[in-house]
Amino acid sequence: MIDYTPFWNTLKNSKENWYTLNKNHHLSFSTLNRLKNNLDVTTKTLNDLCRILDCDISDIVSYVPCEHDQEL
């Protein structure tokens, strides 16, 4: 499972917030809500967040093994 907990920690330690991500960087509230609920987002969104927050992908996402992952 992809977990976005690192994103919230990175956001908290940055000068950005929900409002600035939406108003200044044009990320939709729907996208932010998807992050909040650990739902899928595009790689473009992940790229944008890394650029906006000047961070690495590991500061945005982490992989957590989960019993509910789809079978391969």
C-alpha atoms as a PDB file:
ATOM      1  CA  MET A   1       0.000   0.000   0.000  1.00  0.00           C
ATOM      2  CA  ILE A   2       1.228   3.481  -0.786  1.00  0.00           C
ATOM      3  CA  ASP A   3       1.122   5.692   2.284  1.00  0.00           C
ATOM      4  CA  TYR A   4       1.156   9.494   2.096  1.00  0.00           C
ATOM      5  CA  THR A   5       1.980  10.129   5.753  1.00  0.00           C
ATOM      6  CA  PRO A   6       5.425  11.463   4.782  1.00  0.00           C
ATOM      7  CA  PHE A   7       3.693  14.089   2.634  1.00  0.00           C
ATOM      8  CA  TRP A   8       1.765  15.488   5.609  1.00  0.00           C
ATOM      9  CA  ASN A   9       4.938  15.678   7.690  1.00  0.00           C
ATOM     10  CA  THR A  10       6.796  17.388   4.850  1.00  0.00           C
ATOM     11  CA  LEU A  11       3.920  19.802   4.289  1.00  0.00           C
ATOM     12  CA  LYS A  12       3.770  20.636   7.991  1.00  0.00           C
ATOM     13  CA  ASN A  13       7.473  21.537   7.954  1.00  0.00           C
ATOM     14  CA  SER A  14       7.202  23.681   4.835  1.00  0.00           C
ATOM     15  CA  LYS A  15       5.883  27.170   4.161  1.00  0.00           C
ATOM     16  CA  GLU A  16       2.994  25.644   2.169  1.00  0.00           C
ATOM     17  CA  ASN A  17      -0.414  24.460   3.363  1.00  0.00           C
ATOM     18  CA  TRP A  18      -3.700  23.180   1.882  1.00  0.00           C
ATOM     19  CA  TYR A  19      -4.728  26.683   0.915  1.00  0.00           C
ATOM     20  CA  THR A  20      -1.482  27.618  -0.851  1.00  0.00           C
ATOM     21  CA  LEU A  21      -1.297  24.262  -2.624  1.00  0.00           C
ATOM     22  CA  ASN A  22      -4.762  24.928  -3.979  1.00  0.00           C
ATOM     23  CA  LYS A  23      -4.625  28.657  -4.690  1.00  0.00           C
ATOM     24  CA  ASN A  24      -0.991  29.192  -5.642  1.00  0.00           C
ATOM     25  CA  HIS A  25      -0.125  25.826  -7.154  1.00  0.00           C
ATOM     26  CA  HIS A  26      -3.539  24.776  -8.509  1.00  0.00           C
ATOM     27  CA  LEU A  27      -3.767  21.415  -6.797  1.00  0.00           C
ATOM     28  CA  SER A  28      -7.430  20.564  -6.406  1.00  0.00           C
ATOM     29  CA  PHE A  29      -9.034  19.894  -3.065  1.00  0.00           C
ATOM     30  CA  SER A  30     -10.044  16.558  -4.559  1.00  0.00           C
ATOM     31  CA  THR A  31      -6.380  15.643  -5.074  1.00  0.00           C
ATOM     32  CA  LEU A  32      -5.485  16.765  -1.571  1.00  0.00           C
ATOM     33  CA  ASN A  33      -8.346  14.718  -0.218  1.00  0.00           C
ATOM     34  CA  ARG A  34      -7.085  11.691  -2.136  1.00  0.00           C
ATOM     35  CA  LEU A  35      -3.703  12.139  -0.469  1.00  0.00           C
ATOM     36  CA  LYS A  36      -5.362  12.466   2.907  1.00  0.00           C
ATOM     37  CA  ASN A  37      -7.175   9.165   2.370  1.00  0.00           C
ATOM     38  CA  ASN A  38      -4.223   7.272   0.847  1.00  0.00           C
ATOM     39  CA  LEU A  39      -5.961   6.929  -2.502  1.00  0.00           C
ATOM     40  CA  ASP A  40      -4.266   6.848  -5.898  1.00  0.00           C
ATOM     41  CA  VAL A  41      -2.826  10.031  -7.352  1.00  0.00           C
ATOM     42  CA  THR A  42      -0.951  10.500 -10.605  1.00  0.00           C
ATOM     43  CA  THR A  43       2.801  10.521 -10.947  1.00  0.00           C
ATOM     44  CA  LYS A  44       2.409  14.046 -12.328  1.00  0.00           C
ATOM     45  CA  THR A  45       0.909  15.068  -8.976  1.00  0.00           C
ATOM     46  CA  LEU A  46       3.787  13.435  -7.128  1.00  0.00           C
ATOM     47  CA  ASN A  47       6.261  15.209  -9.390  1.00  0.00           C
ATOM     48  CA  ASP A  48       4.501  18.545  -8.791  1.00  0.00           C
ATOM     49  CA  LEU A  49       4.552  18.046  -5.031  1.00  0.00           C
ATOM     50  CA  CYS A  50       8.269  17.233  -5.041  1.00  0.00           C
ATOM     51  CA  ARG A  51       8.929  20.368  -7.077  1.00  0.00           C
ATOM     52  CA  ILE A  52       6.667  22.599  -4.969  1.00  0.00           C
ATOM     53  CA  LEU A  53       8.020  21.328  -1.662  1.00  0.00           C
ATOM     54  CA  ASP A  54      11.598  20.982  -2.947  1.00  0.00           C
ATOM     55  CA  CYS A  55      11.857  17.439  -1.663  1.00  0.00           C
ATOM     56  CA  ASP A  56      12.463  13.852  -2.693  1.00  0.00           C
ATOM     57  CA  ILE A  57       9.723  11.325  -3.483  1.00  0.00           C
ATOM     58  CA  SER A  58      10.456   9.560  -0.170  1.00  0.00           C
ATOM     59  CA  ASP A  59       9.355  12.777   1.544  1.00  0.00           C
ATOM     60  CA  ILE A  60       5.951  12.307  -0.098  1.00  0.00           C
ATOM     61  CA  VAL A  61       5.239   8.564  -0.148  1.00  0.00           C
ATOM     62  CA  SER A  62       6.268   5.328   1.462  1.00  0.00           C
ATOM     63  CA  TYR A  63       5.405   1.752   0.668  1.00  0.00           C
ATOM     64  CA  VAL A  64       3.831  -0.290   3.447  1.00  0.00           C
ATOM     65  CA  PRO A  65       3.210  -3.985   2.802  1.00  0.00           C
ATOM     66  CA  CYS A  66      -0.430  -4.807   3.347  1.00  0.00           C
ATOM     67  CA  GLU A  67      -2.467  -8.008   3.411  1.00  0.00           C
ATOM     68  CA  HIS A  68      -5.142  -6.260   1.340  1.00  0.00           C
ATOM     69  CA  ASP A  69      -2.865  -5.522  -1.628  1.00  0.00           C
ATOM     70  CA  GLN A  70      -4.029  -7.075  -4.865  1.00  0.00           C
ATOM     71  CA  GLU A  71      -2.676 -10.493  -5.636  1.00  0.00           C
ATOM     72  CA  LEU A  72       0.113 -10.614  -8.217  1.00  0.00           C
END
